[in-house]
Amino acid sequence: MLLAEDFMIPCLNKKLLGFECLGCGGQHALSLLFQGEFVAAFKMYPAIYFLIPLFIIIAINIFYKFKNSNKLISILAILSVATILISYIIKLIN
């Protein structure tokens, strides 16, 4: 039986340098979301909950421009980057 984990791209940073990058855990968190494991997905990669709406709004904005879309995209991007950096620092400390 094939699992989603069988098709995940390995982190080259982790393989070559021995430590995780800022994106490590993102693929696995997305897989967990599709399986309905919302808490586990958050624990794996907290920024997933800002990145998904960000990508959806960017995709919608390509075809349909709506009022304040740039502001919403900026806020979601800032929240995503901040969450990625904070969770990465916490991961390094622990």
Protein backbone atom coordinates (compact mmCIF):
# COMPACT_ATOMS: atom_id res chain seq x y z
CA MET A 1 0.00 0.00 0.00
CA LEU A 2 1.36 3.41 -1.00
CA LEU A 3 1.33 6.20 1.54
CA ALA A 4 1.75 9.95 1.07
CA GLU A 5 4.99 9.71 3.04
CA ASP A 6 6.44 7.53 0.25
CA PHE A 7 6.29 10.49 -2.15
CA MET A 8 7.66 13.25 0.09
CA ILE A 9 10.76 15.10 -1.02
CA PRO A 10 13.62 14.76 1.50
CA CYS A 11 15.19 17.92 2.91
CA LEU A 12 18.56 18.42 1.24
CA ASN A 13 19.65 20.79 4.00
CA LYS A 14 19.04 18.08 6.59
CA LYS A 15 20.75 15.38 4.50
CA LEU A 16 23.81 17.45 3.56
CA LEU A 17 24.32 19.67 6.60
CA GLY A 18 22.67 17.61 9.32
CA PHE A 19 20.12 20.13 10.62
CA GLU A 20 16.59 21.08 9.66
CA CYS A 21 15.72 24.04 7.46
CA LEU A 22 12.89 26.55 7.96
CA GLY A 23 10.57 24.44 5.82
CA CYS A 24 11.17 21.07 7.43
CA GLY A 25 7.90 19.54 8.49
CA GLY A 26 5.73 21.40 6.00
CA GLN A 27 5.06 18.41 3.74
CA HIS A 28 4.32 16.14 6.64
CA ALA A 29 2.01 18.75 8.23
CA LEU A 30 0.07 19.03 4.95
CA SER A 31 -0.25 15.24 4.85
CA LEU A 32 -1.52 15.26 8.44
CA LEU A 33 -4.09 17.91 7.53
CA PHE A 34 -5.44 15.75 4.71
CA GLN A 35 -5.75 12.89 7.21
CA GLY A 36 -7.71 15.11 9.62
CA GLU A 37 -4.94 15.27 12.24
CA PHE A 38 -5.21 19.02 12.86
CA VAL A 39 -3.41 19.20 16.20
CA ALA A 40 -0.59 16.96 14.98
CA ALA A 41 -0.23 19.15 11.86
CA PHE A 42 0.07 22.25 14.06
CA LYS A 43 2.68 20.59 16.25
CA MET A 44 4.65 19.49 13.17
CA TYR A 45 4.59 22.88 11.38
CA PRO A 46 2.52 25.69 12.95
CA ALA A 47 2.78 28.00 9.94
CA ILE A 48 0.66 25.62 7.84
CA TYR A 49 -2.47 27.37 9.11
CA PHE A 50 -1.29 30.71 7.72
CA LEU A 51 0.32 29.38 4.54
CA ILE A 52 -2.74 27.56 3.21
CA PRO A 53 -5.05 30.62 3.35
CA LEU A 54 -2.20 32.74 1.96
CA PHE A 55 -1.80 30.51 -1.11
CA ILE A 56 -5.58 30.28 -1.60
CA ILE A 57 -5.99 34.06 -1.49
CA ILE A 58 -3.06 34.57 -3.85
CA ALA A 59 -4.59 32.06 -6.30
CA ILE A 60 -8.00 33.73 -6.11
CA ASN A 61 -6.39 37.16 -6.48
CA ILE A 62 -4.81 36.11 -9.77
CA PHE A 63 -8.24 35.62 -11.36
CA TYR A 64 -10.43 37.92 -9.29
CA LYS A 65 -9.14 41.12 -7.74
CA PHE A 66 -11.02 42.01 -4.59
CA LYS A 67 -10.86 44.99 -2.27
CA ASN A 68 -8.05 44.92 0.30
CA SER A 69 -6.54 41.74 -1.13
CA ASN A 70 -3.01 43.16 -1.02
CA LYS A 71 -3.44 44.08 2.64
CA LEU A 72 -4.75 40.60 3.48
CA ILE A 73 -1.91 38.94 1.56
CA SER A 74 0.64 41.12 3.38
CA ILE A 75 -0.82 40.31 6.80
CA LEU A 76 -0.89 36.57 6.09
CA ALA A 77 2.66 36.68 4.71
CA ILE A 78 3.95 38.47 7.82
CA LEU A 79 2.13 36.03 10.11
CA SER A 80 3.54 33.10 8.13
CA VAL A 81 7.12 34.33 8.25
CA ALA A 82 6.87 35.20 11.93
CA THR A 83 5.40 31.80 12.77
CA ILE A 84 8.06 30.01 10.73
CA LEU A 85 10.88 31.90 12.44
CA ILE A 86 9.48 31.55 15.96
CA SER A 87 8.80 27.82 15.59
CA TYR A 88 12.27 27.29 14.06
CA ILE A 89 13.95 29.09 16.98
CA ILE A 90 11.92 27.03 19.46
CA LYS A 91 12.92 23.86 17.58
CA LEU A 92 16.60 24.86 17.76
CA ILE A 93 16.41 25.60 21.48
CA ASN A 94 14.76 22.30 22.32
